[in-house]
Amino acid sequence: MVVIRLSRGGSKKRPFYNIVATDSRNRRDGRFIERIGFYNPTASEGTEGLRVAADRLTYWQGVGAQMSPTVERLVKAHNKKIAA
């Protein structure tokens, strides 16, 4: 099954996450099919903290990919922020 989840990068105590579409059997930071966006929880006020390719997210959901709870929460908050 294909899942859309976070893959951790960055250095110690400075996390950076890629939002990826991957097979659920792969490791968290292992092989992935496609990078859909990124999330930077330590982003300063003026920089971009979250970017998601909405068209690719829609495509993967259309072919049956499931979002992890964390990615679902981030995308929902991002969409609410854009709509406001």
PDB file of N, CA and C in Angstrom:
ATOM      1  N   MET A   1       0.842  -1.179   0.000  1.00  0.00           N
ATOM      2  CA  MET A   1       0.000   0.000   0.000  1.00  0.00           C
ATOM      3  C   MET A   1       0.890   1.246   0.000  1.00  0.00           C
ATOM      4  N   VAL A   2       0.486   2.234  -0.746  1.00  0.00           N
ATOM      5  CA  VAL A   2       1.228   3.494  -0.813  1.00  0.00           C
ATOM      6  C   VAL A   2       0.721   4.427   0.283  1.00  0.00           C
ATOM      7  N   VAL A   3       1.655   5.032   1.004  1.00  0.00           N
ATOM      8  CA  VAL A   3       1.314   5.994   2.047  1.00  0.00           C
ATOM      9  C   VAL A   3       2.049   7.303   1.791  1.00  0.00           C
ATOM     10  N   ILE A   4       1.447   8.373   2.251  1.00  0.00           N
ATOM     11  CA  ILE A   4       2.067   9.695   2.177  1.00  0.00           C
ATOM     12  C   ILE A   4       2.451  10.048   3.604  1.00  0.00           C
ATOM     13  N   ARG A   5       3.748  10.172   3.856  1.00  0.00           N
ATOM     14  CA  ARG A   5       4.225  10.384   5.216  1.00  0.00           C
ATOM     15  C   ARG A   5       5.459  11.270   5.223  1.00  0.00           C
ATOM     16  N   LEU A   6       5.939  11.573   6.443  1.00  0.00           N
ATOM     17  CA  LEU A   6       7.121  12.403   6.613  1.00  0.00           C
ATOM     18  C   LEU A   6       8.371  11.539   6.631  1.00  0.00           C
ATOM     19  N   SER A   7       9.431  12.050   6.013  1.00  0.00           N
ATOM     20  CA  SER A   7      10.741  11.412   6.039  1.00  0.00           C
ATOM     21  C   SER A   7      11.699  12.421   6.646  1.00  0.00           C
ATOM     22  N   ARG A   8      12.355  12.055   7.740  1.00  0.00           N
ATOM     23  CA  ARG A   8      13.175  13.016   8.480  1.00  0.00           C
ATOM     24  C   ARG A   8      14.537  13.218   7.847  1.00  0.00           C
ATOM     25  N   GLY A   9      14.950  14.462   7.856  1.00  0.00           N
ATOM     26  CA  GLY A   9      16.281  14.843   7.409  1.00  0.00           C
ATOM     27  C   GLY A   9      16.805  15.896   8.366  1.00  0.00           C
ATOM     28  N   GLY A  10      17.836  16.582   7.980  1.00  0.00           N
ATOM     29  CA  GLY A  10      18.390  17.612   8.849  1.00  0.00           C
ATOM     30  C   GLY A  10      19.375  17.028   9.836  1.00  0.00           C
ATOM     31  N   SER A  11      19.957  17.889  10.621  1.00  0.00           N
ATOM     32  CA  SER A  11      20.953  17.443  11.594  1.00  0.00           C
ATOM     33  C   SER A  11      20.310  17.264  12.970  1.00  0.00           C
ATOM     34  N   LYS A  12      21.121  16.866  13.917  1.00  0.00           N
ATOM     35  CA  LYS A  12      20.643  16.641  15.269  1.00  0.00           C
ATOM     36  C   LYS A  12      20.065  17.932  15.861  1.00  0.00           C
ATOM     37  N   LYS A  13      18.881  17.831  16.418  1.00  0.00           N
ATOM     38  CA  LYS A  13      18.156  18.948  17.034  1.00  0.00           C
ATOM     39  C   LYS A  13      17.739  20.044  16.048  1.00  0.00           C
ATOM     40  N   ARG A  14      17.861  19.793  14.742  1.00  0.00           N
ATOM     41  CA  ARG A  14      17.403  20.721  13.704  1.00  0.00           C
ATOM     42  C   ARG A  14      16.658  19.922  12.640  1.00  0.00           C
ATOM     43  N   PRO A  15      15.440  19.455  12.963  1.00  0.00           N
ATOM     44  CA  PRO A  15      14.732  18.560  12.046  1.00  0.00           C
ATOM     45  C   PRO A  15      14.251  19.261  10.782  1.00  0.00           C
ATOM     46  N   PHE A  16      14.177  18.488   9.714  1.00  0.00           N
ATOM     47  CA  PHE A  16      13.625  18.916   8.438  1.00  0.00           C
ATOM     48  C   PHE A  16      12.960  17.677   7.855  1.00  0.00           C
ATOM     49  N   TYR A  17      11.739  17.812   7.413  1.00  0.00           N
ATOM     50  CA  TYR A  17      10.989  16.660   6.933  1.00  0.00           C
ATOM     51  C   TYR A  17      10.600  16.828   5.473  1.00  0.00           C
ATOM     52  N   ASN A  18      10.761  15.769   4.697  1.00  0.00           N
ATOM     53  CA  ASN A  18      10.235  15.710   3.344  1.00  0.00           C
ATOM     54  C   ASN A  18       8.905  14.973   3.407  1.00  0.00           C
ATOM     55  N   ILE A  19       7.929  15.449   2.654  1.00  0.00           N
ATOM     56  CA  ILE A  19       6.654  14.754   2.537  1.00  0.00           C
ATOM     57  C   ILE A  19       6.777  13.878   1.296  1.00  0.00           C
ATOM     58  N   VAL A  20       6.701  12.565   1.489  1.00  0.00           N
ATOM     59  CA  VAL A  20       6.969  11.623   0.414  1.00  0.00           C
ATOM     60  C   VAL A  20       5.836  10.622   0.257  1.00  0.00           C
ATOM     61  N   ALA A  21       5.702  10.110  -0.965  1.00  0.00           N
ATOM     62  CA  ALA A  21       4.834   8.972  -1.248  1.00  0.00           C
ATOM     63  C   ALA A  21       5.741   7.755  -1.304  1.00  0.00           C
ATOM     64  N   THR A  22       5.424   6.746  -0.494  1.00  0.00           N
ATOM     65  CA  THR A  22       6.280   5.577  -0.392  1.00  0.00           C
ATOM     66  C   THR A  22       5.447   4.333  -0.126  1.00  0.00           C
ATOM     67  N   ASP A  23       6.062   3.193  -0.326  1.00  0.00           N
ATOM     68  CA  ASP A  23       5.433   1.929   0.036  1.00  0.00           C
ATOM     69  C   ASP A  23       5.457   1.822   1.560  1.00  0.00           C
ATOM     70  N   SER A  24       4.383   1.347   2.150  1.00  0.00           N
ATOM     71  CA  SER A  24       4.291   1.297   3.607  1.00  0.00           C
ATOM     72  C   SER A  24       5.318   0.349   4.233  1.00  0.00           C
ATOM     73  N   ARG A  25       5.878  -0.569   3.462  1.00  0.00           N
ATOM     74  CA  ARG A  25       6.857  -1.512   4.002  1.00  0.00           C
ATOM     75  C   ARG A  25       8.263  -0.932   4.070  1.00  0.00           C
ATOM     76  N   ASN A  26       8.505   0.199   3.418  1.00  0.00           N
ATOM     77  CA  ASN A  26       9.827   0.824   3.459  1.00  0.00           C
ATOM     78  C   ASN A  26      10.043   1.535   4.790  1.00  0.00           C
ATOM     79  N   ARG A  27      11.329   1.707   5.136  1.00  0.00           N
ATOM     80  CA  ARG A  27      11.662   2.415   6.368  1.00  0.00           C
ATOM     81  C   ARG A  27      11.272   3.883   6.272  1.00  0.00           C
ATOM     82  N   ARG A  28      11.218   4.551   7.421  1.00  0.00           N
ATOM     83  CA  ARG A  28      10.814   5.955   7.472  1.00  0.00           C
ATOM     84  C   ARG A  28      11.664   6.837   6.565  1.00  0.00           C
ATOM     85  N   ASP A  29      12.978   6.681   6.645  1.00  0.00           N
ATOM     86  CA  ASP A  29      13.880   7.518   5.845  1.00  0.00           C
ATOM     87  C   ASP A  29      14.436   6.765   4.643  1.00  0.00           C
ATOM     88  N   GLY A  30      13.823   5.660   4.294  1.00  0.00           N
ATOM     89  CA  GLY A  30      14.325   4.821   3.207  1.00  0.00           C
ATOM     90  C   GLY A  30      13.845   5.271   1.839  1.00  0.00           C
ATOM     91  N   ARG A  31      13.760   4.291   0.958  1.00  0.00           N
ATOM     92  CA  ARG A  31      13.393   4.550  -0.430  1.00  0.00           C
ATOM     93  C   ARG A  31      11.968   5.094  -0.525  1.00  0.00           C
ATOM     94  N   PHE A  32      11.744   6.015  -1.463  1.00  0.00           N
ATOM     95  CA  PHE A  32      10.412   6.561  -1.670  1.00  0.00           C
ATOM     96  C   PHE A  32      10.138   6.668  -3.162  1.00  0.00           C
ATOM     97  N   ILE A  33       8.867   6.812  -3.506  1.00  0.00           N
ATOM     98  CA  ILE A  33       8.449   6.892  -4.900  1.00  0.00           C
ATOM     99  C   ILE A  33       8.579   8.319  -5.415  1.00  0.00           C
ATOM    100  N   GLU A  34       8.047   9.273  -4.641  1.00  0.00           N
ATOM    101  CA  GLU A  34       8.052  10.669  -5.078  1.00  0.00           C
ATOM    102  C   GLU A  34       8.054  11.601  -3.881  1.00  0.00           C
ATOM    103  N   ARG A  35       8.808  12.686  -4.014  1.00  0.00           N
ATOM    104  CA  ARG A  35       8.810  13.738  -2.994  1.00  0.00           C
ATOM    105  C   ARG A  35       7.712  14.729  -3.358  1.00  0.00           C
ATOM    106  N   ILE A  36       6.779  14.936  -2.442  1.00  0.00           N
ATOM    107  CA  ILE A  36       5.615  15.780  -2.709  1.00  0.00           C
ATOM    108  C   ILE A  36       5.792  17.184  -2.141  1.00  0.00           C
ATOM    109  N   GLY A  37       6.590  17.321  -1.097  1.00  0.00           N
ATOM    110  CA  GLY A  37       6.787  18.625  -0.492  1.00  0.00           C
ATOM    111  C   GLY A  37       7.731  18.526   0.689  1.00  0.00           C
ATOM    112  N   PHE A  38       7.720  19.567   1.528  1.00  0.00           N
ATOM    113  CA  PHE A  38       8.566  19.565   2.714  1.00  0.00           C
ATOM    114  C   PHE A  38       7.875  20.278   3.855  1.00  0.00           C
ATOM    115  N   TYR A  39       8.375  20.019   5.069  1.00  0.00           N
ATOM    116  CA  TYR A  39       7.900  20.669   6.291  1.00  0.00           C
ATOM    117  C   TYR A  39       9.116  20.997   7.142  1.00  0.00           C
ATOM    118  N   ASN A  40       9.255  22.265   7.503  1.00  0.00           N
ATOM    119  CA  ASN A  40      10.362  22.713   8.335  1.00  0.00           C
ATOM    120  C   ASN A  40       9.784  23.281   9.632  1.00  0.00           C
ATOM    121  N   PRO A  41       9.760  22.487  10.704  1.00  0.00           N
ATOM    122  CA  PRO A  41       9.154  22.967  11.953  1.00  0.00           C
ATOM    123  C   PRO A  41       9.950  24.070  12.638  1.00  0.00           C
ATOM    124  N   THR A  42      11.208  24.241  12.280  1.00  0.00           N
ATOM    125  CA  THR A  42      12.040  25.270  12.905  1.00  0.00           C
ATOM    126  C   THR A  42      12.201  26.498  12.016  1.00  0.00           C
ATOM    127  N   ALA A  43      11.328  26.656  11.026  1.00  0.00           N
ATOM    128  CA  ALA A  43      11.423  27.790  10.111  1.00  0.00           C
ATOM    129  C   ALA A  43      11.178  29.098  10.855  1.00  0.00           C
ATOM    130  N   SER A  44      11.966  30.102  10.532  1.00  0.00           N
ATOM    131  CA  SER A  44      11.777  31.407  11.165  1.00  0.00           C
ATOM    132  C   SER A  44      10.556  32.100  10.543  1.00  0.00           C
ATOM    133  N   GLU A  45      10.205  33.234  11.087  1.00  0.00           N
ATOM    134  CA  GLU A  45       8.974  33.927  10.705  1.00  0.00           C
ATOM    135  C   GLU A  45       8.894  34.267   9.211  1.00  0.00           C
ATOM    136  N   GLY A  46       9.983  34.684   8.610  1.00  0.00           N
ATOM    137  CA  GLY A  46       9.944  35.128   7.218  1.00  0.00           C
ATOM    138  C   GLY A  46      10.108  34.023   6.186  1.00  0.00           C
ATOM    139  N   THR A  47      10.472  32.820   6.602  1.00  0.00           N
ATOM    140  CA  THR A  47      10.725  31.748   5.640  1.00  0.00           C
ATOM    141  C   THR A  47       9.533  30.802   5.540  1.00  0.00           C
ATOM    142  N   GLU A  48       9.526  30.055   4.467  1.00  0.00           N
ATOM    143  CA  GLU A  48       8.442  29.110   4.198  1.00  0.00           C
ATOM    144  C   GLU A  48       8.639  27.847   5.033  1.00  0.00           C
ATOM    145  N   GLY A  49       7.637  27.470   5.793  1.00  0.00           N
ATOM    146  CA  GLY A  49       7.742  26.314   6.663  1.00  0.00           C
ATOM    147  C   GLY A  49       7.124  25.050   6.099  1.00  0.00           C
ATOM    148  N   LEU A  50       6.215  25.205   5.132  1.00  0.00           N
ATOM    149  CA  LEU A  50       5.527  24.053   4.566  1.00  0.00           C
ATOM    150  C   LEU A  50       5.230  24.314   3.101  1.00  0.00           C
ATOM    151  N   ARG A  51       5.546  23.344   2.276  1.00  0.00           N
ATOM    152  CA  ARG A  51       5.206  23.424   0.852  1.00  0.00           C
ATOM    153  C   ARG A  51       4.714  22.054   0.416  1.00  0.00           C
ATOM    154  N   VAL A  52       3.557  22.038  -0.245  1.00  0.00           N
ATOM    155  CA  VAL A  52       2.977  20.787  -0.721  1.00  0.00           C
ATOM    156  C   VAL A  52       2.527  20.996  -2.161  1.00  0.00           C
ATOM    157  N   ALA A  53       2.898  20.062  -3.032  1.00  0.00           N
ATOM    158  CA  ALA A  53       2.429  20.091  -4.420  1.00  0.00           C
ATOM    159  C   ALA A  53       1.021  19.503  -4.416  1.00  0.00           C
ATOM    160  N   ALA A  54       0.016  20.376  -4.432  1.00  0.00           N
ATOM    161  CA  ALA A  54      -1.374  19.949  -4.289  1.00  0.00           C
ATOM    162  C   ALA A  54      -1.809  19.015  -5.414  1.00  0.00           C
ATOM    163  N   ASP A  55      -1.330  19.257  -6.627  1.00  0.00           N
ATOM    164  CA  ASP A  55      -1.717  18.395  -7.740  1.00  0.00           C
ATOM    165  C   ASP A  55      -1.203  16.969  -7.568  1.00  0.00           C
ATOM    166  N   ARG A  56       0.022  16.825  -7.072  1.00  0.00           N
ATOM    167  CA  ARG A  56       0.582  15.492  -6.851  1.00  0.00           C
ATOM    168  C   ARG A  56      -0.078  14.802  -5.660  1.00  0.00           C
ATOM    169  N   LEU A  57      -0.422  15.577  -4.637  1.00  0.00           N
ATOM    170  CA  LEU A  57      -1.131  15.021  -3.483  1.00  0.00           C
ATOM    171  C   LEU A  57      -2.495  14.486  -3.911  1.00  0.00           C
ATOM    172  N   THR A  58      -3.195  15.238  -4.727  1.00  0.00           N
ATOM    173  CA  THR A  58      -4.489  14.812  -5.240  1.00  0.00           C
ATOM    174  C   THR A  58      -4.351  13.558  -6.097  1.00  0.00           C
ATOM    175  N   TYR A  59      -3.307  13.508  -6.915  1.00  0.00           N
ATOM    176  CA  TYR A  59      -3.077  12.332  -7.756  1.00  0.00           C
ATOM    177  C   TYR A  59      -2.884  11.086  -6.897  1.00  0.00           C
ATOM    178  N   TRP A  60      -2.004  11.172  -5.905  1.00  0.00           N
ATOM    179  CA  TRP A  60      -1.712   9.999  -5.081  1.00  0.00           C
ATOM    180  C   TRP A  60      -2.925   9.554  -4.288  1.00  0.00           C
ATOM    181  N   GLN A  61      -3.717  10.486  -3.806  1.00  0.00           N
ATOM    182  CA  GLN A  61      -4.935  10.113  -3.107  1.00  0.00           C
ATOM    183  C   GLN A  61      -5.927   9.462  -4.067  1.00  0.00           C
ATOM    184  N   GLY A  62      -5.924   9.921  -5.316  1.00  0.00           N
ATOM    185  CA  GLY A  62      -6.810   9.354  -6.330  1.00  0.00           C
ATOM    186  C   GLY A  62      -6.495   7.912  -6.681  1.00  0.00           C
ATOM    187  N   VAL A  63      -5.232   7.526  -6.553  1.00  0.00           N
ATOM    188  CA  VAL A  63      -4.853   6.142  -6.861  1.00  0.00           C
ATOM    189  C   VAL A  63      -4.816   5.278  -5.600  1.00  0.00           C
ATOM    190  N   GLY A  64      -5.295   5.810  -4.471  1.00  0.00           N
ATOM    191  CA  GLY A  64      -5.471   5.000  -3.280  1.00  0.00           C
ATOM    192  C   GLY A  64      -4.459   5.176  -2.168  1.00  0.00           C
ATOM    193  N   ALA A  65      -3.592   6.169  -2.246  1.00  0.00           N
ATOM    194  CA  ALA A  65      -2.608   6.381  -1.176  1.00  0.00           C
ATOM    195  C   ALA A  65      -3.298   6.949   0.059  1.00  0.00           C
ATOM    196  N   GLN A  66      -2.828   6.520   1.220  1.00  0.00           N
ATOM    197  CA  GLN A  66      -3.363   6.996   2.492  1.00  0.00           C
ATOM    198  C   GLN A  66      -2.372   7.971   3.118  1.00  0.00           C
ATOM    199  N   MET A  67      -2.882   9.087   3.663  1.00  0.00           N
ATOM    200  CA  MET A  67      -2.016  10.038   4.352  1.00  0.00           C
ATOM    201  C   MET A  67      -1.842   9.619   5.799  1.00  0.00           C
ATOM    202  N   SER A  68      -0.654   9.852   6.336  1.00  0.00           N
ATOM    203  CA  SER A  68      -0.435   9.610   7.762  1.00  0.00           C
ATOM    204  C   SER A  68      -1.189  10.692   8.536  1.00  0.00           C
ATOM    205  N   PRO A  69      -1.512  10.438   9.800  1.00  0.00           N
ATOM    206  CA  PRO A  69      -2.236  11.447  10.588  1.00  0.00           C
ATOM    207  C   PRO A  69      -1.510  12.790  10.668  1.00  0.00           C
ATOM    208  N   THR A  70      -0.195  12.767  10.773  1.00  0.00           N
ATOM    209  CA  THR A  70       0.570  14.010  10.862  1.00  0.00           C
ATOM    210  C   THR A  70       0.502  14.797   9.561  1.00  0.00           C
ATOM    211  N   VAL A  71       0.669  14.122   8.436  1.00  0.00           N
ATOM    212  CA  VAL A  71       0.595  14.800   7.141  1.00  0.00           C
ATOM    213  C   VAL A  71      -0.810  15.336   6.917  1.00  0.00           C
ATOM    214  N   GLU A  72      -1.807  14.575   7.304  1.00  0.00           N
ATOM    215  CA  GLU A  72      -3.188  15.020   7.159  1.00  0.00           C
ATOM    216  C   GLU A  72      -3.432  16.304   7.951  1.00  0.00           C
ATOM    217  N   ARG A  73      -2.913  16.355   9.178  1.00  0.00           N
ATOM    218  CA  ARG A  73      -3.049  17.546  10.025  1.00  0.00           C
ATOM    219  C   ARG A  73      -2.343  18.746   9.414  1.00  0.00           C
ATOM    220  N   LEU A  74      -1.130  18.540   8.898  1.00  0.00           N
ATOM    221  CA  LEU A  74      -0.367  19.639   8.304  1.00  0.00           C
ATOM    222  C   LEU A  74      -1.047  20.185   7.047  1.00  0.00           C
ATOM    223  N   VAL A  75      -1.521  19.293   6.197  1.00  0.00           N
ATOM    224  CA  VAL A  75      -2.172  19.720   4.951  1.00  0.00           C
ATOM    225  C   VAL A  75      -3.466  20.462   5.259  1.00  0.00           C
ATOM    226  N   LYS A  76      -4.225  19.981   6.228  1.00  0.00           N
ATOM    227  CA  LYS A  76      -5.471  20.637   6.615  1.00  0.00           C
ATOM    228  C   LYS A  76      -5.202  22.048   7.135  1.00  0.00           C
ATOM    229  N   ALA A  77      -4.188  22.191   7.992  1.00  0.00           N
ATOM    230  CA  ALA A  77      -3.837  23.514   8.522  1.00  0.00           C
ATOM    231  C   ALA A  77      -3.325  24.434   7.416  1.00  0.00           C
ATOM    232  N   HIS A  78      -2.576  23.873   6.486  1.00  0.00           N
ATOM    233  CA  HIS A  78      -2.036  24.650   5.373  1.00  0.00           C
ATOM    234  C   HIS A  78      -3.171  25.163   4.470  1.00  0.00           C
ATOM    235  N   ASN A  79      -4.141  24.305   4.184  1.00  0.00           N
ATOM    236  CA  ASN A  79      -5.275  24.702   3.347  1.00  0.00           C
ATOM    237  C   ASN A  79      -6.114  25.762   4.043  1.00  0.00           C
ATOM    238  N   LYS A  80      -6.283  25.648   5.352  1.00  0.00           N
ATOM    239  CA  LYS A  80      -7.047  26.634   6.102  1.00  0.00           C
ATOM    240  C   LYS A  80      -6.336  27.981   6.069  1.00  0.00           C
ATOM    241  N   LYS A  81      -5.008  27.953   6.176  1.00  0.00           N
ATOM    242  CA  LYS A  81      -4.210  29.171   6.158  1.00  0.00           C
ATOM    243  C   LYS A  81      -4.280  29.871   4.802  1.00  0.00           C
ATOM    244  N   ILE A  82      -4.269  29.085   3.728  1.00  0.00           N
ATOM    245  CA  ILE A  82      -4.344  29.645   2.379  1.00  0.00           C
ATOM    246  C   ILE A  82      -5.721  30.252   2.127  1.00  0.00           C
ATOM    247  N   ALA A  83      -6.775  29.571   2.588  1.00  0.00           N
ATOM    248  CA  ALA A  83      -8.150  30.053   2.361  1.00  0.00           C
ATOM    249  C   ALA A  83      -8.433  31.352   3.111  1.00  0.00           C
ATOM    250  N   ALA A  84      -7.757  31.581   4.213  1.00  0.00           N
ATOM    251  CA  ALA A  84      -8.015  32.770   5.015  1.00  0.00           C
ATOM    252  C   ALA A  84      -7.369  34.004   4.446  1.00  0.00           C
TER     253      ALA A  84
END
